Structure formats: C-alpha cells, structure tokens
Amino acid sequence: DFNDTACAEEIRMFYDCVAKAEKVRKDQNKESSREL
C-alpha cells in the first residue's frame, strides 16, 4: 500500500542503480568531449 518503510531495500537498490548509471554516463561524456 505504497509504504516506503516496508520497501526500503528495493528503494535503496533502485537509487544505487540510478547513481551507477549516472556515473557511467558522465564518464562517457568526459571521454567523448574531445570529439566533435
């Protein structure tokens, strides 16, 4: 019933995945920033 405390582990796993994906995207942008 949309209770955050019962789903804390799933929410943490989702936020970890999002942070990891953002880091990968930023690294790719840094590598390709030298190219046009």
Full PDB file with SEQRES, HELIX, SHEET, SSBOND, CRYST1, ORIGX, SCALE, CONECT and MASTER records, all heavy atoms in Angstrom:
SEQRES   1 A   36  ASP PHE ASN ASP THR ALA CYS ALA GLU GLU ILE ARG MET          
SEQRES   2 A   36  PHE TYR ASP CYS VAL ALA LYS ALA GLU LYS VAL ARG LYS          
SEQRES   3 A   36  ASP GLN ASN LYS GLU SER SER ARG GLU LEU                      
HELIX    1 AA1 ALA A    8  SER A   32  1                                  25    
CRYST1    1.000    1.000    1.000  90.00  90.00  90.00 P 1           1          
ORIGX1      1.000000  0.000000  0.000000        0.00000                         
ORIGX2      0.000000  1.000000  0.000000        0.00000                         
ORIGX3      0.000000  0.000000  1.000000        0.00000                         
SCALE1      1.000000  0.000000  0.000000        0.00000                         
SCALE2      0.000000  1.000000  0.000000        0.00000                         
SCALE3      0.000000  0.000000  1.000000        0.00000                         
ATOM      1  N   ASP A   1       0.816  -1.213   0.000  1.00  0.00           N  
ATOM      2  CA  ASP A   1       0.000   0.000   0.000  1.00  0.00           C  
ATOM      3  C   ASP A   1       0.857   1.274   0.000  1.00  0.00           C  
ATOM      4  O   ASP A   1       0.608   2.209   0.774  1.00  0.00           O  
ATOM      5  CB  ASP A   1      -0.966   0.015   1.190  1.00  0.00           C  
ATOM      6  CG  ASP A   1      -1.996  -1.089   1.079  1.00  0.00           C  
ATOM      7  OD1 ASP A   1      -2.390  -1.402  -0.071  1.00  0.00           O  
ATOM      8  OD2 ASP A   1      -2.394  -1.654   2.115  1.00  0.00           O  
ATOM      9  N   PHE A   2       1.905   1.279  -0.837  1.00  0.00           N  
ATOM     10  CA  PHE A   2       2.783   2.440  -1.043  1.00  0.00           C  
ATOM     11  C   PHE A   2       3.433   2.921   0.258  1.00  0.00           C  
ATOM     12  O   PHE A   2       3.555   4.108   0.521  1.00  0.00           O  
ATOM     13  CB  PHE A   2       2.033   3.582  -1.741  1.00  0.00           C  
ATOM     14  CG  PHE A   2       1.537   3.174  -3.099  1.00  0.00           C  
ATOM     15  CD1 PHE A   2       0.221   2.744  -3.270  1.00  0.00           C  
ATOM     16  CD2 PHE A   2       2.379   3.188  -4.191  1.00  0.00           C  
ATOM     17  CE1 PHE A   2      -0.230   2.349  -4.515  1.00  0.00           C  
ATOM     18  CE2 PHE A   2       1.932   2.799  -5.434  1.00  0.00           C  
ATOM     19  CZ  PHE A   2       0.627   2.371  -5.594  1.00  0.00           C  
ATOM     20  N   ASN A   3       3.872   1.973   1.045  1.00  0.00           N  
ATOM     21  CA  ASN A   3       4.568   2.256   2.297  1.00  0.00           C  
ATOM     22  C   ASN A   3       6.071   2.201   2.038  1.00  0.00           C  
ATOM     23  O   ASN A   3       6.603   1.148   1.667  1.00  0.00           O  
ATOM     24  CB  ASN A   3       4.151   1.240   3.367  1.00  0.00           C  
ATOM     25  CG  ASN A   3       4.701   1.592   4.721  1.00  0.00           C  
ATOM     26  OD1 ASN A   3       5.379   2.601   4.889  1.00  0.00           O  
ATOM     27  ND2 ASN A   3       4.395   0.746   5.697  1.00  0.00           N  
ATOM     28  N   ASP A   4       6.775   3.331   2.256  1.00  0.00           N  
ATOM     29  CA  ASP A   4       8.215   3.387   1.971  1.00  0.00           C  
ATOM     30  C   ASP A   4       9.037   2.564   2.949  1.00  0.00           C  
ATOM     31  O   ASP A   4      10.085   2.027   2.581  1.00  0.00           O  
ATOM     32  CB  ASP A   4       8.708   4.838   2.005  1.00  0.00           C  
ATOM     33  CG  ASP A   4       8.285   5.603   0.768  1.00  0.00           C  
ATOM     34  OD1 ASP A   4       7.906   4.952  -0.218  1.00  0.00           O  
ATOM     35  OD2 ASP A   4       8.360   6.852   0.779  1.00  0.00           O  
ATOM     36  N   THR A   5       8.601   2.458   4.186  1.00  0.00           N  
ATOM     37  CA  THR A   5       9.413   1.737   5.180  1.00  0.00           C  
ATOM     38  C   THR A   5       9.457   0.240   4.885  1.00  0.00           C  
ATOM     39  O   THR A   5      10.484  -0.399   5.121  1.00  0.00           O  
ATOM     40  CB  THR A   5       8.844   1.970   6.596  1.00  0.00           C  
ATOM     41  OG1 THR A   5       7.472   1.575   6.623  1.00  0.00           O  
ATOM     42  CG2 THR A   5       8.978   3.439   6.996  1.00  0.00           C  
ATOM     43  N   ALA A   6       8.403  -0.308   4.348  1.00  0.00           N  
ATOM     44  CA  ALA A   6       8.388  -1.736   4.035  1.00  0.00           C  
ATOM     45  C   ALA A   6       9.230  -2.048   2.796  1.00  0.00           C  
ATOM     46  O   ALA A   6       9.726  -3.162   2.648  1.00  0.00           O  
ATOM     47  CB  ALA A   6       6.956  -2.220   3.833  1.00  0.00           C  
ATOM     48  N   CYS A   7       9.412  -1.065   1.937  1.00  0.00           N  
ATOM     49  CA  CYS A   7      10.153  -1.274   0.679  1.00  0.00           C  
ATOM     50  C   CYS A   7      11.494  -0.537   0.673  1.00  0.00           C  
ATOM     51  O   CYS A   7      11.991  -0.153  -0.387  1.00  0.00           O  
ATOM     52  CB  CYS A   7       9.309  -0.806  -0.490  1.00  0.00           C  
ATOM     53  SG  CYS A   7       7.737  -1.656  -0.633  1.00  0.00           S  
ATOM     54  N   ALA A   8      12.083  -0.344   1.819  1.00  0.00           N  
ATOM     55  CA  ALA A   8      13.328   0.428   1.920  1.00  0.00           C  
ATOM     56  C   ALA A   8      14.468  -0.223   1.134  1.00  0.00           C  
ATOM     57  O   ALA A   8      15.267   0.471   0.486  1.00  0.00           O  
ATOM     58  CB  ALA A   8      13.717   0.607   3.380  1.00  0.00           C  
ATOM     59  N   GLU A   9      14.552  -1.550   1.187  1.00  0.00           N  
ATOM     60  CA  GLU A   9      15.638  -2.247   0.477  1.00  0.00           C  
ATOM     61  C   GLU A   9      15.504  -2.084  -1.045  1.00  0.00           C  
ATOM     62  O   GLU A   9      16.489  -1.831  -1.736  1.00  0.00           O  
ATOM     63  CB  GLU A   9      15.619  -3.731   0.860  1.00  0.00           C  
ATOM     64  CG  GLU A   9      16.713  -4.545   0.218  1.00  0.00           C  
ATOM     65  CD  GLU A   9      18.114  -4.142   0.686  1.00  0.00           C  
ATOM     66  OE1 GLU A   9      18.261  -3.585   1.793  1.00  0.00           O  
ATOM     67  OE2 GLU A   9      19.058  -4.382  -0.082  1.00  0.00           O  
ATOM     68  N   GLU A  10      14.307  -2.210  -1.569  1.00  0.00           N  
ATOM     69  CA  GLU A  10      14.092  -2.050  -3.007  1.00  0.00           C  
ATOM     70  C   GLU A  10      14.355  -0.612  -3.457  1.00  0.00           C  
ATOM     71  O   GLU A  10      14.927  -0.386  -4.527  1.00  0.00           O  
ATOM     72  CB  GLU A  10      12.662  -2.463  -3.387  1.00  0.00           C  
ATOM     73  CG  GLU A  10      12.416  -3.947  -3.367  1.00  0.00           C  
ATOM     74  CD  GLU A  10      12.142  -4.493  -1.972  1.00  0.00           C  
ATOM     75  OE1 GLU A  10      12.131  -3.697  -1.013  1.00  0.00           O  
ATOM     76  OE2 GLU A  10      11.959  -5.707  -1.846  1.00  0.00           O  
ATOM     77  N   ILE A  11      13.952   0.348  -2.636  1.00  0.00           N  
ATOM     78  CA  ILE A  11      14.202   1.750  -2.974  1.00  0.00           C  
ATOM     79  C   ILE A  11      15.701   2.029  -2.994  1.00  0.00           C  
ATOM     80  O   ILE A  11      16.218   2.694  -3.892  1.00  0.00           O  
ATOM     81  CB  ILE A  11      13.474   2.673  -1.969  1.00  0.00           C  
ATOM     82  CG1 ILE A  11      11.963   2.533  -2.133  1.00  0.00           C  
ATOM     83  CG2 ILE A  11      13.893   4.115  -2.162  1.00  0.00           C  
ATOM     84  CD1 ILE A  11      11.157   3.222  -1.054  1.00  0.00           C  
ATOM     85  N   ARG A  12      16.430   1.474  -2.007  1.00  0.00           N  
ATOM     86  CA  ARG A  12      17.878   1.675  -1.966  1.00  0.00           C  
ATOM     87  C   ARG A  12      18.548   1.049  -3.191  1.00  0.00           C  
ATOM     88  O   ARG A  12      19.443   1.651  -3.796  1.00  0.00           O  
ATOM     89  CB  ARG A  12      18.455   1.078  -0.675  1.00  0.00           C  
ATOM     90  CG  ARG A  12      19.950   1.391  -0.484  1.00  0.00           C  
ATOM     91  CD  ARG A  12      20.567   0.585   0.655  1.00  0.00           C  
ATOM     92  NE  ARG A  12      20.416  -0.854   0.479  1.00  0.00           N  
ATOM     93  CZ  ARG A  12      21.144  -1.596  -0.382  1.00  0.00           C  
ATOM     94  NH1 ARG A  12      22.032  -1.024  -1.168  1.00  0.00           N  
ATOM     95  NH2 ARG A  12      20.951  -2.896  -0.474  1.00  0.00           N  
ATOM     96  N   MET A  13      18.098  -0.151  -3.578  1.00  0.00           N  
ATOM     97  CA  MET A  13      18.676  -0.802  -4.762  1.00  0.00           C  
ATOM     98  C   MET A  13      18.421   0.025  -6.018  1.00  0.00           C  
ATOM     99  O   MET A  13      19.307   0.164  -6.872  1.00  0.00           O  
ATOM    100  CB  MET A  13      18.089  -2.217  -4.936  1.00  0.00           C  
ATOM    101  CG  MET A  13      18.595  -3.214  -3.921  1.00  0.00           C  
ATOM    102  SD  MET A  13      17.779  -4.821  -4.007  1.00  0.00           S  
ATOM    103  CE  MET A  13      17.877  -5.201  -5.719  1.00  0.00           C  
ATOM    104  N   PHE A  14      17.232   0.606  -6.128  1.00  0.00           N  
ATOM    105  CA  PHE A  14      16.909   1.447  -7.287  1.00  0.00           C  
ATOM    106  C   PHE A  14      17.790   2.697  -7.322  1.00  0.00           C  
ATOM    107  O   PHE A  14      18.353   3.045  -8.356  1.00  0.00           O  
ATOM    108  CB  PHE A  14      15.429   1.826  -7.264  1.00  0.00           C  
ATOM    109  CG  PHE A  14      15.048   2.789  -8.349  1.00  0.00           C  
ATOM    110  CD1 PHE A  14      15.061   2.404  -9.679  1.00  0.00           C  
ATOM    111  CD2 PHE A  14      14.685   4.093  -8.052  1.00  0.00           C  
ATOM    112  CE1 PHE A  14      14.724   3.288 -10.685  1.00  0.00           C  
ATOM    113  CE2 PHE A  14      14.339   4.989  -9.048  1.00  0.00           C  
ATOM    114  CZ  PHE A  14      14.360   4.583 -10.372  1.00  0.00           C  
ATOM    115  N   TYR A  15      17.928   3.372  -6.201  1.00  0.00           N  
ATOM    116  CA  TYR A  15      18.767   4.577  -6.166  1.00  0.00           C  
ATOM    117  C   TYR A  15      20.234   4.254  -6.428  1.00  0.00           C  
ATOM    118  O   TYR A  15      20.948   5.038  -7.067  1.00  0.00           O  
ATOM    119  CB  TYR A  15      18.601   5.311  -4.836  1.00  0.00           C  
ATOM    120  CG  TYR A  15      17.354   6.144  -4.762  1.00  0.00           C  
ATOM    121  CD1 TYR A  15      16.518   6.069  -3.660  1.00  0.00           C  
ATOM    122  CD2 TYR A  15      16.997   6.997  -5.791  1.00  0.00           C  
ATOM    123  CE1 TYR A  15      15.357   6.818  -3.577  1.00  0.00           C  
ATOM    124  CE2 TYR A  15      15.847   7.751  -5.725  1.00  0.00           C  
ATOM    125  CZ  TYR A  15      15.032   7.663  -4.623  1.00  0.00           C  
ATOM    126  OH  TYR A  15      13.895   8.413  -4.561  1.00  0.00           O  
ATOM    127  N   ASP A  16      20.727   3.116  -5.942  1.00  0.00           N  
ATOM    128  CA  ASP A  16      22.103   2.711  -6.238  1.00  0.00           C  
ATOM    129  C   ASP A  16      22.300   2.490  -7.725  1.00  0.00           C  
ATOM    130  O   ASP A  16      23.313   2.886  -8.302  1.00  0.00           O  
ATOM    131  CB  ASP A  16      22.463   1.437  -5.466  1.00  0.00           C  
ATOM    132  CG  ASP A  16      22.622   1.677  -3.972  1.00  0.00           C  
ATOM    133  OD1 ASP A  16      22.718   2.864  -3.568  1.00  0.00           O  
ATOM    134  OD2 ASP A  16      22.634   0.679  -3.216  1.00  0.00           O  
ATOM    135  N   CYS A  17      21.319   1.847  -8.356  1.00  0.00           N  
ATOM    136  CA  CYS A  17      21.408   1.600  -9.801  1.00  0.00           C  
ATOM    137  C   CYS A  17      21.413   2.910 -10.583  1.00  0.00           C  
ATOM    138  O   CYS A  17      22.173   3.078 -11.529  1.00  0.00           O  
ATOM    139  CB  CYS A  17      20.253   0.710 -10.247  1.00  0.00           C  
ATOM    140  SG  CYS A  17      20.257   0.344 -12.004  1.00  0.00           S  
ATOM    141  N   VAL A  18      20.552   3.851 -10.171  1.00  0.00           N  
ATOM    142  CA  VAL A  18      20.491   5.145 -10.856  1.00  0.00           C  
ATOM    143  C   VAL A  18      21.813   5.895 -10.706  1.00  0.00           C  
ATOM    144  O   VAL A  18      22.326   6.483 -11.669  1.00  0.00           O  
ATOM    145  CB  VAL A  18      19.302   5.979 -10.319  1.00  0.00           C  
ATOM    146  CG1 VAL A  18      19.379   7.413 -10.809  1.00  0.00           C  
ATOM    147  CG2 VAL A  18      18.000   5.351 -10.745  1.00  0.00           C  
ATOM    148  N   ALA A  19      22.396   5.871  -9.520  1.00  0.00           N  
ATOM    149  CA  ALA A  19      23.671   6.561  -9.292  1.00  0.00           C  
ATOM    150  C   ALA A  19      24.777   5.940 -10.131  1.00  0.00           C  
ATOM    151  O   ALA A  19      25.618   6.653 -10.708  1.00  0.00           O  
ATOM    152  CB  ALA A  19      24.030   6.499  -7.806  1.00  0.00           C  
ATOM    153  N   LYS A  20      24.768   4.610 -10.224  1.00  0.00           N  
ATOM    154  CA  LYS A  20      25.783   3.924 -11.024  1.00  0.00           C  
ATOM    155  C   LYS A  20      25.635   4.277 -12.512  1.00  0.00           C  
ATOM    156  O   LYS A  20      26.620   4.528 -13.215  1.00  0.00           O  
ATOM    157  CB  LYS A  20      25.654   2.415 -10.831  1.00  0.00           C  
ATOM    158  CG  LYS A  20      26.882   1.632 -11.210  1.00  0.00           C  
ATOM    159  CD  LYS A  20      26.673   0.142 -10.982  1.00  0.00           C  
ATOM    160  CE  LYS A  20      26.404  -0.154  -9.520  1.00  0.00           C  
ATOM    161  NZ  LYS A  20      26.211  -1.581  -9.246  1.00  0.00           N  
ATOM    162  N   ALA A  21      24.399   4.335 -12.992  1.00  0.00           N  
ATOM    163  CA  ALA A  21      24.151   4.673 -14.396  1.00  0.00           C  
ATOM    164  C   ALA A  21      24.556   6.114 -14.692  1.00  0.00           C  
ATOM    165  O   ALA A  21      25.113   6.410 -15.757  1.00  0.00           O  
ATOM    166  CB  ALA A  21      22.688   4.451 -14.743  1.00  0.00           C  
ATOM    167  N   GLU A  22      24.294   7.039 -13.757  1.00  0.00           N  
ATOM    168  CA  GLU A  22      24.703   8.436 -13.931  1.00  0.00           C  
ATOM    169  C   GLU A  22      26.217   8.554 -13.995  1.00  0.00           C  
ATOM    170  O   GLU A  22      26.758   9.320 -14.791  1.00  0.00           O  
ATOM    171  CB  GLU A  22      24.162   9.297 -12.780  1.00  0.00           C  
ATOM    172  CG  GLU A  22      22.716   9.665 -12.937  1.00  0.00           C  
ATOM    173  CD  GLU A  22      22.499  10.631 -14.078  1.00  0.00           C  
ATOM    174  OE1 GLU A  22      23.272  11.601 -14.209  1.00  0.00           O  
ATOM    175  OE2 GLU A  22      21.554  10.403 -14.843  1.00  0.00           O  
ATOM    176  N   LYS A  23      26.911   7.801 -13.166  1.00  0.00           N  
ATOM    177  CA  LYS A  23      28.376   7.850 -13.167  1.00  0.00           C  
ATOM    178  C   LYS A  23      28.929   7.351 -14.504  1.00  0.00           C  
ATOM    179  O   LYS A  23      29.831   7.949 -15.073  1.00  0.00           O  
ATOM    180  CB  LYS A  23      28.921   7.010 -12.013  1.00  0.00           C  
ATOM    181  CG  LYS A  23      30.411   7.086 -11.884  1.00  0.00           C  
ATOM    182  CD  LYS A  23      30.915   6.275 -10.714  1.00  0.00           C  
ATOM    183  CE  LYS A  23      32.424   6.361 -10.654  1.00  0.00           C  
ATOM    184  NZ  LYS A  23      32.994   5.456  -9.658  1.00  0.00           N  
ATOM    185  N   VAL A  24      28.359   6.264 -15.012  1.00  0.00           N  
ATOM    186  CA  VAL A  24      28.797   5.725 -16.302  1.00  0.00           C  
ATOM    187  C   VAL A  24      28.542   6.734 -17.419  1.00  0.00           C  
ATOM    188  O   VAL A  24      29.381   6.965 -18.285  1.00  0.00           O  
ATOM    189  CB  VAL A  24      28.096   4.380 -16.586  1.00  0.00           C  
ATOM    190  CG1 VAL A  24      28.292   3.952 -18.023  1.00  0.00           C  
ATOM    191  CG2 VAL A  24      28.597   3.315 -15.632  1.00  0.00           C  
ATOM    192  N   ARG A  25      27.378   7.390 -17.384  1.00  0.00           N  
ATOM    193  CA  ARG A  25      27.041   8.374 -18.416  1.00  0.00           C  
ATOM    194  C   ARG A  25      27.982   9.572 -18.373  1.00  0.00           C  
ATOM    195  O   ARG A  25      28.443  10.053 -19.399  1.00  0.00           O  
ATOM    196  CB  ARG A  25      25.599   8.831 -18.248  1.00  0.00           C  
ATOM    197  CG  ARG A  25      25.103   9.712 -19.373  1.00  0.00           C  
ATOM    198  CD  ARG A  25      23.684  10.172 -19.147  1.00  0.00           C  
ATOM    199  NE  ARG A  25      23.520  10.952 -17.936  1.00  0.00           N  
ATOM    200  CZ  ARG A  25      23.791  12.261 -17.844  1.00  0.00           C  
ATOM    201  NH1 ARG A  25      24.230  12.912 -18.881  1.00  0.00           N  
ATOM    202  NH2 ARG A  25      23.614  12.895 -16.701  1.00  0.00           N  
ATOM    203  N   LYS A  26      28.317  10.041 -17.171  1.00  0.00           N  
ATOM    204  CA  LYS A  26      29.242  11.169 -17.051  1.00  0.00           C  
ATOM    205  C   LYS A  26      30.635  10.796 -17.535  1.00  0.00           C  
ATOM    206  O   LYS A  26      31.320  11.606 -18.157  1.00  0.00           O  
ATOM    207  CB  LYS A  26      29.291  11.666 -15.610  1.00  0.00           C  
ATOM    208  CG  LYS A  26      28.075  12.460 -15.221  1.00  0.00           C  
ATOM    209  CD  LYS A  26      28.194  12.986 -13.812  1.00  0.00           C  
ATOM    210  CE  LYS A  26      26.941  13.766 -13.430  1.00  0.00           C  
ATOM    211  NZ  LYS A  26      27.009  14.264 -12.045  1.00  0.00           N  
ATOM    212  N   ASP A  27      31.078   9.563 -17.234  1.00  0.00           N  
ATOM    213  CA  ASP A  27      32.388   9.117 -17.705  1.00  0.00           C  
ATOM    214  C   ASP A  27      32.423   9.049 -19.229  1.00  0.00           C  
ATOM    215  O   ASP A  27      33.423   9.408 -19.852  1.00  0.00           O  
ATOM    216  CB  ASP A  27      32.739   7.756 -17.105  1.00  0.00           C  
ATOM    217  CG  ASP A  27      33.039   7.850 -15.614  1.00  0.00           C  
ATOM    218  OD1 ASP A  27      33.294   8.976 -15.131  1.00  0.00           O  
ATOM    219  OD2 ASP A  27      33.012   6.794 -14.938  1.00  0.00           O  
ATOM    220  N   GLN A  28      31.336   8.590 -19.829  1.00  0.00           N  
ATOM    221  CA  GLN A  28      31.283   8.534 -21.292  1.00  0.00           C  
ATOM    222  C   GLN A  28      31.296   9.927 -21.890  1.00  0.00           C  
ATOM    223  O   GLN A  28      31.914  10.155 -22.930  1.00  0.00           O  
ATOM    224  CB  GLN A  28      30.040   7.784 -21.750  1.00  0.00           C  
ATOM    225  CG  GLN A  28      30.127   6.304 -21.560  1.00  0.00           C  
ATOM    226  CD  GLN A  28      28.845   5.595 -21.970  1.00  0.00           C  
ATOM    227  OE1 GLN A  28      27.818   6.229 -22.204  1.00  0.00           O  
ATOM    228  NE2 GLN A  28      28.898   4.276 -22.049  1.00  0.00           N  
ATOM    229  N   ASN A  29      30.632  10.889 -21.244  1.00  0.00           N  
ATOM    230  CA  ASN A  29      30.632  12.262 -21.744  1.00  0.00           C  
ATOM    231  C   ASN A  29      32.015  12.880 -21.643  1.00  0.00           C  
ATOM    232  O   ASN A  29      32.428  13.638 -22.517  1.00  0.00           O  
ATOM    233  CB  ASN A  29      29.617  13.121 -20.979  1.00  0.00           C  
ATOM    234  CG  ASN A  29      28.201  12.835 -21.406  1.00  0.00           C  
ATOM    235  OD1 ASN A  29      27.958  12.233 -22.445  1.00  0.00           O  
ATOM    236  ND2 ASN A  29      27.257  13.274 -20.604  1.00  0.00           N  
ATOM    237  N   LYS A  30      32.760  12.569 -20.602  1.00  0.00           N  
ATOM    238  CA  LYS A  30      34.114  13.103 -20.461  1.00  0.00           C  
ATOM    239  C   LYS A  30      35.022  12.540 -21.539  1.00  0.00           C  
ATOM    240  O   LYS A  30      35.860  13.239 -22.081  1.00  0.00           O  
ATOM    241  CB  LYS A  30      34.679  12.780 -19.079  1.00  0.00           C  
ATOM    242  CG  LYS A  30      34.102  13.633 -17.978  1.00  0.00           C  
ATOM    243  CD  LYS A  30      34.706  13.265 -16.639  1.00  0.00           C  
ATOM    244  CE  LYS A  30      34.073  14.076 -15.526  1.00  0.00           C  
ATOM    245  NZ  LYS A  30      34.591  13.687 -14.209  1.00  0.00           N  
ATOM    246  N   GLU A  31      34.875  11.256 -21.841  1.00  0.00           N  
ATOM    247  CA  GLU A  31      35.707  10.628 -22.865  1.00  0.00           C  
ATOM    248  C   GLU A  31      35.396  11.166 -24.256  1.00  0.00           C  
ATOM    249  O   GLU A  31      36.289  11.376 -25.059  1.00  0.00           O  
ATOM    250  CB  GLU A  31      35.506   9.115 -22.844  1.00  0.00           C  
ATOM    251  CG  GLU A  31      36.070   8.437 -21.619  1.00  0.00           C  
ATOM    252  CD  GLU A  31      35.733   6.965 -21.576  1.00  0.00           C  
ATOM    253  OE1 GLU A  31      35.128   6.466 -22.543  1.00  0.00           O  
ATOM    254  OE2 GLU A  31      36.072   6.326 -20.570  1.00  0.00           O  
ATOM    255  N   SER A  32      34.120  11.400 -24.541  1.00  0.00           N  
ATOM    256  CA  SER A  32      33.741  11.834 -25.883  1.00  0.00           C  
ATOM    257  C   SER A  32      33.719  13.350 -26.017  1.00  0.00           C  
ATOM    258  O   SER A  32      33.379  13.862 -27.067  1.00  0.00           O  
ATOM    259  CB  SER A  32      32.374  11.264 -26.259  1.00  0.00           C  
ATOM    260  OG  SER A  32      31.392  11.840 -25.429  1.00  0.00           O  
ATOM    261  N   SER A  33      34.077  14.084 -24.955  1.00  0.00           N  
ATOM    262  CA  SER A  33      34.043  15.546 -25.050  1.00  0.00           C  
ATOM    263  C   SER A  33      35.144  16.073 -25.963  1.00  0.00           C  
ATOM    264  O   SER A  33      35.054  17.184 -26.476  1.00  0.00           O  
ATOM    265  CB  SER A  33      34.157  16.166 -23.658  1.00  0.00           C  
ATOM    266  OG  SER A  33      35.430  15.880 -23.121  1.00  0.00           O  
ATOM    267  N   ARG A  34      36.188  15.293 -26.167  1.00  0.00           N  
ATOM    268  CA  ARG A  34      37.268  15.734 -27.053  1.00  0.00           C  
ATOM    269  C   ARG A  34      36.866  15.644 -28.521  1.00  0.00           C  
ATOM    270  O   ARG A  34      37.415  16.330 -29.358  1.00  0.00           O  
ATOM    271  CB  ARG A  34      38.505  14.884 -26.806  1.00  0.00           C  
ATOM    272  CG  ARG A  34      39.064  15.092 -25.419  1.00  0.00           C  
ATOM    273  CD  ARG A  34      40.297  14.271 -25.188  1.00  0.00           C  
ATOM    274  NE  ARG A  34      40.675  14.353 -23.786  1.00  0.00           N  
ATOM    275  CZ  ARG A  34      41.101  13.338 -23.073  1.00  0.00           C  
ATOM    276  NH1 ARG A  34      41.232  12.154 -23.625  1.00  0.00           N  
ATOM    277  NH2 ARG A  34      41.415  13.490 -21.809  1.00  0.00           N  
ATOM    278  N   GLU A  35      35.939  14.787 -28.821  1.00  0.00           N  
ATOM    279  CA  GLU A  35      35.487  14.609 -30.200  1.00  0.00           C  
ATOM    280  C   GLU A  35      34.408  15.633 -30.531  1.00  0.00           C  
ATOM    281  O   GLU A  35      33.766  16.178 -29.670  1.00  0.00           O  
ATOM    282  CB  GLU A  35      34.887  13.216 -30.386  1.00  0.00           C  
ATOM    283  CG  GLU A  35      35.774  12.090 -29.972  1.00  0.00           C  
ATOM    284  CD  GLU A  35      35.033  10.763 -30.012  1.00  0.00           C  
ATOM    285  OE1 GLU A  35      33.821  10.766 -30.275  1.00  0.00           O  
ATOM    286  OE2 GLU A  35      35.677   9.751 -29.783  1.00  0.00           O  
ATOM    287  N   LEU A  36      34.224  15.864 -31.825  1.00  0.00           N  
ATOM    288  CA  LEU A  36      33.089  16.670 -32.269  1.00  0.00           C  
ATOM    289  C   LEU A  36      31.948  15.698 -32.519  1.00  0.00           C  
ATOM    290  O   LEU A  36      31.814  15.147 -33.601  1.00  0.00           O  
ATOM    291  CB  LEU A  36      33.440  17.432 -33.547  1.00  0.00           C  
ATOM    292  CG  LEU A  36      34.489  18.510 -33.411  1.00  0.00           C  
ATOM    293  CD1 LEU A  36      34.808  19.085 -34.772  1.00  0.00           C  
ATOM    294  CD2 LEU A  36      34.017  19.596 -32.480  1.00  0.00           C  
TER     295      LEU A  36                                                      
MASTER        0    0    0    1    0    0    0    6  294    1    0    3          
END                                                                             
